[in-house]
Amino acid sequence: LPFGATGPRRRETAYDYVIQALCGWMDLTGEPGGPPTKSG
């Protein structure tokens, strides 16, 4: 499950890019000064 079996977000769905955004991984990719970008 994307957010675990317990907790307030346990019923929510998520995709790869959603988790990348939530964990801050998108902030490490993309062009300098550009918006957050999904990893290839």
PDB file of all heavy atoms in Angstrom:
ATOM      1  N   LEU A   1       0.843  -1.190   0.000  1.00  0.00           N
ATOM      2  CA  LEU A   1       0.000   0.000   0.000  1.00  0.00           C
ATOM      3  C   LEU A   1       0.884   1.246   0.000  1.00  0.00           C
ATOM      4  O   LEU A   1       1.946   1.248   0.628  1.00  0.00           O
ATOM      5  CB  LEU A   1      -0.916   0.008   1.226  1.00  0.00           C
ATOM      6  CG  LEU A   1      -1.900  -1.184   1.349  1.00  0.00           C
ATOM      7  CD1 LEU A   1      -2.601  -1.148   2.684  1.00  0.00           C
ATOM      8  CD2 LEU A   1      -2.904  -1.146   0.210  1.00  0.00           C
ATOM      9  N   PRO A   2       0.475   2.292  -0.684  1.00  0.00           N
ATOM     10  CA  PRO A   2       1.344   3.477  -0.786  1.00  0.00           C
ATOM     11  C   PRO A   2       1.580   4.165   0.550  1.00  0.00           C
ATOM     12  O   PRO A   2       2.654   4.717   0.793  1.00  0.00           O
ATOM     13  CB  PRO A   2       0.591   4.379  -1.761  1.00  0.00           C
ATOM     14  CG  PRO A   2      -0.829   3.939  -1.689  1.00  0.00           C
ATOM     15  CD  PRO A   2      -0.771   2.468  -1.447  1.00  0.00           C
ATOM     16  N   PHE A   3       0.575   4.164   1.433  1.00  0.00           N
ATOM     17  CA  PHE A   3       0.710   4.869   2.708  1.00  0.00           C
ATOM     18  C   PHE A   3       0.546   3.936   3.903  1.00  0.00           C
ATOM     19  O   PHE A   3       0.293   4.391   5.016  1.00  0.00           O
ATOM     20  CB  PHE A   3      -0.317   6.007   2.791  1.00  0.00           C
ATOM     21  CG  PHE A   3      -0.157   7.022   1.699  1.00  0.00           C
ATOM     22  CD1 PHE A   3      -1.046   7.060   0.635  1.00  0.00           C
ATOM     23  CD2 PHE A   3       0.891   7.934   1.721  1.00  0.00           C
ATOM     24  CE1 PHE A   3      -0.895   7.999  -0.389  1.00  0.00           C
ATOM     25  CE2 PHE A   3       1.048   8.864   0.709  1.00  0.00           C
ATOM     26  CZ  PHE A   3       0.160   8.897  -0.355  1.00  0.00           C
ATOM     27  N   GLY A   4       0.683   2.618   3.675  1.00  0.00           N
ATOM     28  CA  GLY A   4       0.577   1.676   4.774  1.00  0.00           C
ATOM     29  C   GLY A   4      -0.847   1.257   5.064  1.00  0.00           C
ATOM     30  O   GLY A   4      -1.820   1.838   4.538  1.00  0.00           O
ATOM     31  N   ALA A   5      -0.993   0.248   5.902  1.00  0.00           N
ATOM     32  CA  ALA A   5      -2.312  -0.299   6.231  1.00  0.00           C
ATOM     33  C   ALA A   5      -2.997   0.460   7.353  1.00  0.00           C
ATOM     34  O   ALA A   5      -4.190   0.272   7.599  1.00  0.00           O
ATOM     35  CB  ALA A   5      -2.183  -1.778   6.610  1.00  0.00           C
ATOM     36  N   THR A   6      -2.259   1.309   8.055  1.00  0.00           N
ATOM     37  CA  THR A   6      -2.844   2.107   9.138  1.00  0.00           C
ATOM     38  C   THR A   6      -2.504   3.578   8.912  1.00  0.00           C
ATOM     39  O   THR A   6      -1.648   3.911   8.100  1.00  0.00           O
ATOM     40  CB  THR A   6      -2.288   1.642  10.507  1.00  0.00           C
ATOM     41  OG1 THR A   6      -0.858   1.792  10.510  1.00  0.00           O
ATOM     42  CG2 THR A   6      -2.642   0.182  10.774  1.00  0.00           C
ATOM     43  N   GLY A   7      -3.139   4.436   9.621  1.00  0.00           N
ATOM     44  CA  GLY A   7      -2.857   5.859   9.497  1.00  0.00           C
ATOM     45  C   GLY A   7      -3.960   6.594   8.762  1.00  0.00           C
ATOM     46  O   GLY A   7      -4.849   5.985   8.139  1.00  0.00           O
ATOM     47  N   PRO A   8      -3.931   7.928   8.797  1.00  0.00           N
ATOM     48  CA  PRO A   8      -5.025   8.727   8.203  1.00  0.00           C
ATOM     49  C   PRO A   8      -5.109   8.633   6.679  1.00  0.00           C
ATOM     50  O   PRO A   8      -6.163   8.884   6.110  1.00  0.00           O
ATOM     51  CB  PRO A   8      -4.683  10.152   8.650  1.00  0.00           C
ATOM     52  CG  PRO A   8      -3.205  10.140   8.910  1.00  0.00           C
ATOM     53  CD  PRO A   8      -2.911   8.768   9.428  1.00  0.00           C
ATOM     54  N   ARG A   9      -4.011   8.242   6.005  1.00  0.00           N
ATOM     55  CA  ARG A   9      -4.018   8.205   4.538  1.00  0.00           C
ATOM     56  C   ARG A   9      -4.038   6.771   3.998  1.00  0.00           C
ATOM     57  O   ARG A   9      -3.703   6.541   2.839  1.00  0.00           O
ATOM     58  CB  ARG A   9      -2.797   8.946   3.997  1.00  0.00           C
ATOM     59  CG  ARG A   9      -2.642  10.354   4.558  1.00  0.00           C
ATOM     60  CD  ARG A   9      -1.522  11.114   3.898  1.00  0.00           C
ATOM     61  NE  ARG A   9      -1.805  11.387   2.502  1.00  0.00           N
ATOM     62  CZ  ARG A   9      -1.007  12.117   1.704  1.00  0.00           C
ATOM     63  NH1 ARG A   9       0.127  12.631   2.202  1.00  0.00           N
ATOM     64  NH2 ARG A   9      -1.318  12.330   0.447  1.00  0.00           N
ATOM     65  N   ARG A  10      -4.427   5.847   4.831  1.00  0.00           N
ATOM     66  CA  ARG A  10      -4.340   4.434   4.437  1.00  0.00           C
ATOM     67  C   ARG A  10      -5.253   4.085   3.267  1.00  0.00           C
ATOM     68  O   ARG A  10      -4.998   3.122   2.545  1.00  0.00           O
ATOM     69  CB  ARG A  10      -4.656   3.540   5.641  1.00  0.00           C
ATOM     70  CG  ARG A  10      -6.073   3.692   6.175  1.00  0.00           C
ATOM     71  CD  ARG A  10      -6.275   2.821   7.419  1.00  0.00           C
ATOM     72  NE  ARG A  10      -7.630   2.887   7.948  1.00  0.00           N
ATOM     73  CZ  ARG A  10      -8.067   3.845   8.750  1.00  0.00           C
ATOM     74  NH1 ARG A  10      -7.237   4.826   9.108  1.00  0.00           N
ATOM     75  NH2 ARG A  10      -9.304   3.845   9.196  1.00  0.00           N
ATOM     76  N   ARG A  11      -6.334   4.844   3.063  1.00  0.00           N
ATOM     77  CA  ARG A  11      -7.284   4.535   1.993  1.00  0.00           C
ATOM     78  C   ARG A  11      -6.972   5.285   0.697  1.00  0.00           C
ATOM     79  O   ARG A  11      -7.668   5.115  -0.306  1.00  0.00           O
ATOM     80  CB  ARG A  11      -8.706   4.850   2.448  1.00  0.00           C
ATOM     81  CG  ARG A  11      -9.149   4.044   3.660  1.00  0.00           C
ATOM     82  CD  ARG A  11     -10.625   4.271   3.970  1.00  0.00           C
ATOM     83  NE  ARG A  11     -11.034   3.556   5.166  1.00  0.00           N
ATOM     84  CZ  ARG A  11     -11.359   2.254   5.200  1.00  0.00           C
ATOM     85  NH1 ARG A  11     -11.320   1.552   4.081  1.00  0.00           N
ATOM     86  NH2 ARG A  11     -11.704   1.679   6.335  1.00  0.00           N
ATOM     87  N   GLU A  12      -5.932   6.100   0.717  1.00  0.00           N
ATOM     88  CA  GLU A  12      -5.594   6.871  -0.477  1.00  0.00           C
ATOM     89  C   GLU A  12      -4.756   6.032  -1.446  1.00  0.00           C
ATOM     90  O   GLU A  12      -4.013   5.146  -1.033  1.00  0.00           O
ATOM     91  CB  GLU A  12      -4.824   8.143  -0.094  1.00  0.00           C
ATOM     92  CG  GLU A  12      -5.631   9.118   0.752  1.00  0.00           C
ATOM     93  CD  GLU A  12      -4.854  10.380   1.044  1.00  0.00           C
ATOM     94  OE1 GLU A  12      -3.905  10.672   0.276  1.00  0.00           O
ATOM     95  OE2 GLU A  12      -5.187  11.070   2.025  1.00  0.00           O
ATOM     96  N   THR A  13      -4.902   6.322  -2.707  1.00  0.00           N
ATOM     97  CA  THR A  13      -4.081   5.666  -3.736  1.00  0.00           C
ATOM     98  C   THR A  13      -2.961   6.605  -4.157  1.00  0.00           C
ATOM     99  O   THR A  13      -3.019   7.814  -3.924  1.00  0.00           O
ATOM    100  CB  THR A  13      -4.937   5.296  -4.962  1.00  0.00           C
ATOM    101  OG1 THR A  13      -5.525   6.493  -5.498  1.00  0.00           O
ATOM    102  CG2 THR A  13      -6.026   4.311  -4.571  1.00  0.00           C
ATOM    103  N   ALA A  14      -1.958   6.035  -4.795  1.00  0.00           N
ATOM    104  CA  ALA A  14      -0.812   6.842  -5.230  1.00  0.00           C
ATOM    105  C   ALA A  14      -0.116   6.136  -6.381  1.00  0.00           C
ATOM    106  O   ALA A  14      -0.278   4.926  -6.578  1.00  0.00           O
ATOM    107  CB  ALA A  14       0.148   7.072  -4.078  1.00  0.00           C
ATOM    108  N   TYR A  15       0.650   6.928  -7.122  1.00  0.00           N
ATOM    109  CA  TYR A  15       1.437   6.407  -8.230  1.00  0.00           C
ATOM    110  C   TYR A  15       2.907   6.737  -7.982  1.00  0.00           C
ATOM    111  O   TYR A  15       3.254   7.439  -7.023  1.00  0.00           O
ATOM    112  CB  TYR A  15       0.950   6.987  -9.558  1.00  0.00           C
ATOM    113  CG  TYR A  15      -0.493   6.657  -9.842  1.00  0.00           C
ATOM    114  CD1 TYR A  15      -1.499   7.564  -9.519  1.00  0.00           C
ATOM    115  CD2 TYR A  15      -0.837   5.440 -10.424  1.00  0.00           C
ATOM    116  CE1 TYR A  15      -2.824   7.257  -9.769  1.00  0.00           C
ATOM    117  CE2 TYR A  15      -2.165   5.132 -10.683  1.00  0.00           C
ATOM    118  CZ  TYR A  15      -3.161   6.044 -10.353  1.00  0.00           C
ATOM    119  OH  TYR A  15      -4.469   5.736 -10.598  1.00  0.00           O
ATOM    120  N   ASP A  16       3.738   6.251  -8.860  1.00  0.00           N
ATOM    121  CA  ASP A  16       5.172   6.427  -8.677  1.00  0.00           C
ATOM    122  C   ASP A  16       5.536   7.905  -8.538  1.00  0.00           C
ATOM    123  O   ASP A  16       6.258   8.292  -7.623  1.00  0.00           O
ATOM    124  CB  ASP A  16       5.919   5.799  -9.860  1.00  0.00           C
ATOM    125  CG  ASP A  16       7.428   5.876  -9.701  1.00  0.00           C
ATOM    126  OD1 ASP A  16       8.010   6.891 -10.133  1.00  0.00           O
ATOM    127  OD2 ASP A  16       8.006   4.932  -9.146  1.00  0.00           O
ATOM    128  N   TYR A  17       5.012   8.757  -9.427  1.00  0.00           N
ATOM    129  CA  TYR A  17       5.396  10.171  -9.390  1.00  0.00           C
ATOM    130  C   TYR A  17       4.853  10.881  -8.145  1.00  0.00           C
ATOM    131  O   TYR A  17       5.421  11.860  -7.682  1.00  0.00           O
ATOM    132  CB  TYR A  17       4.930  10.884 -10.662  1.00  0.00           C
ATOM    133  CG  TYR A  17       3.436  10.906 -10.880  1.00  0.00           C
ATOM    134  CD1 TYR A  17       2.656  11.903 -10.316  1.00  0.00           C
ATOM    135  CD2 TYR A  17       2.830   9.949 -11.664  1.00  0.00           C
ATOM    136  CE1 TYR A  17       1.281  11.929 -10.519  1.00  0.00           C
ATOM    137  CE2 TYR A  17       1.473   9.956 -11.871  1.00  0.00           C
ATOM    138  CZ  TYR A  17       0.690  10.951 -11.293  1.00  0.00           C
ATOM    139  OH  TYR A  17      -0.663  10.964 -11.491  1.00  0.00           O
ATOM    140  N   VAL A  18       3.721  10.375  -7.597  1.00  0.00           N
ATOM    141  CA  VAL A  18       3.185  10.974  -6.372  1.00  0.00           C
ATOM    142  C   VAL A  18       4.138  10.745  -5.201  1.00  0.00           C
ATOM    143  O   VAL A  18       4.440  11.658  -4.422  1.00  0.00           O
ATOM    144  CB  VAL A  18       1.789  10.408  -6.062  1.00  0.00           C
ATOM    145  CG1 VAL A  18       1.279  10.941  -4.718  1.00  0.00           C
ATOM    146  CG2 VAL A  18       0.811  10.742  -7.181  1.00  0.00           C
ATOM    147  N   ILE A  19       4.627   9.523  -5.083  1.00  0.00           N
ATOM    148  CA  ILE A  19       5.560   9.219  -3.999  1.00  0.00           C
ATOM    149  C   ILE A  19       6.879   9.956  -4.202  1.00  0.00           C
ATOM    150  O   ILE A  19       7.494  10.445  -3.243  1.00  0.00           O
ATOM    151  CB  ILE A  19       5.803   7.698  -3.917  1.00  0.00           C
ATOM    152  CG1 ILE A  19       4.465   6.970  -3.719  1.00  0.00           C
ATOM    153  CG2 ILE A  19       6.747   7.362  -2.780  1.00  0.00           C
ATOM    154  CD1 ILE A  19       3.711   7.374  -2.478  1.00  0.00           C
ATOM    155  N   GLN A  20       7.313  10.083  -5.472  1.00  0.00           N
ATOM    156  CA  GLN A  20       8.538  10.846  -5.740  1.00  0.00           C
ATOM    157  C   GLN A  20       8.383  12.297  -5.301  1.00  0.00           C
ATOM    158  O   GLN A  20       9.310  12.907  -4.756  1.00  0.00           O
ATOM    159  CB  GLN A  20       8.888  10.792  -7.228  1.00  0.00           C
ATOM    160  CG  GLN A  20       9.437   9.468  -7.706  1.00  0.00           C
ATOM    161  CD  GLN A  20      10.030   9.558  -9.101  1.00  0.00           C
ATOM    162  OE1 GLN A  20      10.604  10.584  -9.472  1.00  0.00           O
ATOM    163  NE2 GLN A  20       9.897   8.477  -9.876  1.00  0.00           N
ATOM    164  N   ALA A  21       7.210  12.856  -5.520  1.00  0.00           N
ATOM    165  CA  ALA A  21       6.976  14.243  -5.121  1.00  0.00           C
ATOM    166  C   ALA A  21       6.917  14.376  -3.603  1.00  0.00           C
ATOM    167  O   ALA A  21       7.496  15.308  -3.020  1.00  0.00           O
ATOM    168  CB  ALA A  21       5.678  14.748  -5.753  1.00  0.00           C
ATOM    169  N   LEU A  22       6.235  13.445  -2.946  1.00  0.00           N
ATOM    170  CA  LEU A  22       6.080  13.527  -1.499  1.00  0.00           C
ATOM    171  C   LEU A  22       7.397  13.341  -0.757  1.00  0.00           C
ATOM    172  O   LEU A  22       7.622  13.957   0.286  1.00  0.00           O
ATOM    173  CB  LEU A  22       5.063  12.479  -1.030  1.00  0.00           C
ATOM    174  CG  LEU A  22       3.601  12.740  -1.428  1.00  0.00           C
ATOM    175  CD1 LEU A  22       2.731  11.551  -1.029  1.00  0.00           C
ATOM    176  CD2 LEU A  22       3.090  14.013  -0.770  1.00  0.00           C
ATOM    177  N   CYS A  23       8.259  12.477  -1.294  1.00  0.00           N
ATOM    178  CA  CYS A  23       9.527  12.220  -0.601  1.00  0.00           C
ATOM    179  C   CYS A  23      10.614  13.221  -0.985  1.00  0.00           C
ATOM    180  O   CYS A  23      11.716  13.185  -0.430  1.00  0.00           O
ATOM    181  CB  CYS A  23      10.009  10.806  -0.862  1.00  0.00           C
ATOM    182  SG  CYS A  23      10.556  10.504  -2.556  1.00  0.00           S
ATOM    183  N   GLY A  24      10.337  14.106  -1.950  1.00  0.00           N
ATOM    184  CA  GLY A  24      11.300  15.126  -2.320  1.00  0.00           C
ATOM    185  C   GLY A  24      12.261  14.724  -3.414  1.00  0.00           C
ATOM    186  O   GLY A  24      13.183  15.489  -3.745  1.00  0.00           O
ATOM    187  N   TRP A  25      12.051  13.558  -4.002  1.00  0.00           N
ATOM    188  CA  TRP A  25      12.972  13.114  -5.049  1.00  0.00           C
ATOM    189  C   TRP A  25      12.894  13.996  -6.296  1.00  0.00           C
ATOM    190  O   TRP A  25      13.901  14.245  -6.948  1.00  0.00           O
ATOM    191  CB  TRP A  25      12.662  11.659  -5.421  1.00  0.00           C
ATOM    192  CG  TRP A  25      13.601  11.103  -6.448  1.00  0.00           C
ATOM    193  CD1 TRP A  25      13.376  11.005  -7.789  1.00  0.00           C
ATOM    194  CD2 TRP A  25      14.912  10.611  -6.225  1.00  0.00           C
ATOM    195  NE1 TRP A  25      14.447  10.469  -8.418  1.00  0.00           N
ATOM    196  CE2 TRP A  25      15.428  10.205  -7.486  1.00  0.00           C
ATOM    197  CE3 TRP A  25      15.709  10.453  -5.101  1.00  0.00           C
ATOM    198  CZ2 TRP A  25      16.694   9.681  -7.644  1.00  0.00           C
ATOM    199  CZ3 TRP A  25      16.966   9.919  -5.240  1.00  0.00           C
ATOM    200  CH2 TRP A  25      17.464   9.536  -6.494  1.00  0.00           C
ATOM    201  N   MET A  26      11.700  14.504  -6.617  1.00  0.00           N
ATOM    202  CA  MET A  26      11.553  15.348  -7.806  1.00  0.00           C
ATOM    203  C   MET A  26      12.369  16.630  -7.704  1.00  0.00           C
ATOM    204  O   MET A  26      12.735  17.223  -8.728  1.00  0.00           O
ATOM    205  CB  MET A  26      10.073  15.689  -8.024  1.00  0.00           C
ATOM    206  CG  MET A  26       9.237  14.568  -8.602  1.00  0.00           C
ATOM    207  SD  MET A  26       7.584  15.157  -9.013  1.00  0.00           S
ATOM    208  CE  MET A  26       6.872  13.686  -9.725  1.00  0.00           C
ATOM    209  N   ASP A  27      12.618  17.062  -6.487  1.00  0.00           N
ATOM    210  CA  ASP A  27      13.382  18.300  -6.302  1.00  0.00           C
ATOM    211  C   ASP A  27      14.847  18.115  -6.683  1.00  0.00           C
ATOM    212  O   ASP A  27      15.581  19.101  -6.840  1.00  0.00           O
ATOM    213  CB  ASP A  27      13.261  18.754  -4.848  1.00  0.00           C
ATOM    214  CG  ASP A  27      13.773  20.172  -4.651  1.00  0.00           C
ATOM    215  OD1 ASP A  27      13.382  21.053  -5.434  1.00  0.00           O
ATOM    216  OD2 ASP A  27      14.577  20.382  -3.722  1.00  0.00           O
ATOM    217  N   LEU A  28      15.274  16.859  -6.831  1.00  0.00           N
ATOM    218  CA  LEU A  28      16.673  16.585  -7.158  1.00  0.00           C
ATOM    219  C   LEU A  28      16.896  16.418  -8.650  1.00  0.00           C
ATOM    220  O   LEU A  28      18.033  16.234  -9.088  1.00  0.00           O
ATOM    221  CB  LEU A  28      17.140  15.311  -6.426  1.00  0.00           C
ATOM    222  CG  LEU A  28      17.023  15.328  -4.899  1.00  0.00           C
ATOM    223  CD1 LEU A  28      17.453  13.977  -4.341  1.00  0.00           C
ATOM    224  CD2 LEU A  28      17.855  16.444  -4.310  1.00  0.00           C
ATOM    225  N   THR A  29      15.843  16.414  -9.446  1.00  0.00           N
ATOM    226  CA  THR A  29      15.971  16.203 -10.897  1.00  0.00           C
ATOM    227  C   THR A  29      15.476  17.420 -11.654  1.00  0.00           C
ATOM    228  O   THR A  29      14.900  18.354 -11.087  1.00  0.00           O
ATOM    229  CB  THR A  29      15.166  14.969 -11.322  1.00  0.00           C
ATOM    230  OG1 THR A  29      13.791  15.189 -11.012  1.00  0.00           O
ATOM    231  CG2 THR A  29      15.651  13.718 -10.618  1.00  0.00           C
ATOM    232  N   GLY A  30      15.652  17.417 -12.970  1.00  0.00           N
ATOM    233  CA  GLY A  30      15.205  18.531 -13.798  1.00  0.00           C
ATOM    234  C   GLY A  30      16.320  19.530 -14.065  1.00  0.00           C
ATOM    235  O   GLY A  30      17.484  19.335 -13.705  1.00  0.00           O
ATOM    236  N   GLU A  31      15.937  20.620 -14.742  1.00  0.00           N
ATOM    237  CA  GLU A  31      16.891  21.666 -15.096  1.00  0.00           C
ATOM    238  C   GLU A  31      17.148  22.595 -13.914  1.00  0.00           C
ATOM    239  O   GLU A  31      16.261  22.794 -13.069  1.00  0.00           O
ATOM    240  CB  GLU A  31      16.354  22.486 -16.275  1.00  0.00           C
ATOM    241  CG  GLU A  31      16.153  21.706 -17.557  1.00  0.00           C
ATOM    242  CD  GLU A  31      17.464  21.220 -18.133  1.00  0.00           C
ATOM    243  OE1 GLU A  31      18.492  21.890 -17.889  1.00  0.00           O
ATOM    244  OE2 GLU A  31      17.469  20.174 -18.818  1.00  0.00           O
ATOM    245  N   PRO A  32      18.353  23.168 -13.834  1.00  0.00           N
ATOM    246  CA  PRO A  32      18.638  24.125 -12.752  1.00  0.00           C
ATOM    247  C   PRO A  32      17.653  25.297 -12.798  1.00  0.00           C
ATOM    248  O   PRO A  32      17.449  25.926 -13.835  1.00  0.00           O
ATOM    249  CB  PRO A  32      20.067  24.576 -13.047  1.00  0.00           C
ATOM    250  CG  PRO A  32      20.666  23.471 -13.845  1.00  0.00           C
ATOM    251  CD  PRO A  32      19.539  22.927 -14.674  1.00  0.00           C
ATOM    252  N   GLY A  33      17.043  25.597 -11.686  1.00  0.00           N
ATOM    253  CA  GLY A  33      16.075  26.683 -11.600  1.00  0.00           C
ATOM    254  C   GLY A  33      14.707  26.330 -12.122  1.00  0.00           C
ATOM    255  O   GLY A  33      13.775  27.152 -12.062  1.00  0.00           O
ATOM    256  N   GLY A  34      14.543  25.114 -12.668  1.00  0.00           N
ATOM    257  CA  GLY A  34      13.251  24.709 -13.215  1.00  0.00           C
ATOM    258  C   GLY A  34      12.372  24.061 -12.169  1.00  0.00           C
ATOM    259  O   GLY A  34      12.752  23.910 -11.007  1.00  0.00           O
ATOM    260  N   PRO A  35      11.173  23.655 -12.578  1.00  0.00           N
ATOM    261  CA  PRO A  35      10.237  23.011 -11.635  1.00  0.00           C
ATOM    262  C   PRO A  35      10.692  21.586 -11.308  1.00  0.00           C
ATOM    263  O   PRO A  35      11.519  21.004 -12.021  1.00  0.00           O
ATOM    264  CB  PRO A  35       8.919  23.013 -12.407  1.00  0.00           C
ATOM    265  CG  PRO A  35       9.335  22.957 -13.840  1.00  0.00           C
ATOM    266  CD  PRO A  35      10.604  23.764 -13.934  1.00  0.00           C
ATOM    267  N   PRO A  36      10.177  21.003 -10.236  1.00  0.00           N
ATOM    268  CA  PRO A  36      10.477  19.597  -9.922  1.00  0.00           C
ATOM    269  C   PRO A  36      10.094  18.686 -11.084  1.00  0.00           C
ATOM    270  O   PRO A  36       9.084  18.916 -11.760  1.00  0.00           O
ATOM    271  CB  PRO A  36       9.617  19.318  -8.686  1.00  0.00           C
ATOM    272  CG  PRO A  36       9.389  20.666  -8.075  1.00  0.00           C
ATOM    273  CD  PRO A  36       9.304  21.624  -9.224  1.00  0.00           C
ATOM    274  N   THR A  37      10.918  17.679 -11.323  1.00  0.00           N
ATOM    275  CA  THR A  37      10.724  16.807 -12.482  1.00  0.00           C
ATOM    276  C   THR A  37      10.761  15.349 -12.036  1.00  0.00           C
ATOM    277  O   THR A  37      11.593  14.965 -11.210  1.00  0.00           O
ATOM    278  CB  THR A  37      11.820  17.043 -13.538  1.00  0.00           C
ATOM    279  OG1 THR A  37      11.849  18.434 -13.874  1.00  0.00           O
ATOM    280  CG2 THR A  37      11.551  16.221 -14.785  1.00  0.00           C
ATOM    281  N   LYS A  38       9.875  14.587 -12.615  1.00  0.00           N
ATOM    282  CA  LYS A  38       9.840  13.159 -12.321  1.00  0.00           C
ATOM    283  C   LYS A  38      11.086  12.471 -12.853  1.00  0.00           C
ATOM    284  O   LYS A  38      11.561  12.778 -13.940  1.00  0.00           O
ATOM    285  CB  LYS A  38       8.595  12.521 -12.933  1.00  0.00           C
ATOM    286  CG  LYS A  38       8.475  11.017 -12.722  1.00  0.00           C
ATOM    287  CD  LYS A  38       7.246  10.481 -13.422  1.00  0.00           C
ATOM    288  CE  LYS A  38       7.148   8.961 -13.261  1.00  0.00           C
ATOM    289  NZ  LYS A  38       8.274   8.256 -13.901  1.00  0.00           N
ATOM    290  N   SER A  39      11.607  11.530 -12.109  1.00  0.00           N
ATOM    291  CA  SER A  39      12.762  10.764 -12.552  1.00  0.00           C
ATOM    292  C   SER A  39      12.399   9.920 -13.772  1.00  0.00           C
ATOM    293  O   SER A  39      11.250   9.482 -13.922  1.00  0.00           O
ATOM    294  CB  SER A  39      13.268   9.861 -11.423  1.00  0.00           C
ATOM    295  OG  SER A  39      14.293   9.006 -11.875  1.00  0.00           O
ATOM    296  N   GLY A  40      13.386   9.723 -14.644  1.00  0.00           N
ATOM    297  CA  GLY A  40      13.127   8.935 -15.840  1.00  0.00           C
ATOM    298  C   GLY A  40      12.768   7.501 -15.533  1.00  0.00           C
ATOM    299  O   GLY A  40      11.995   6.873 -16.269  1.00  0.00           O
TER     300      GLY A  40
END
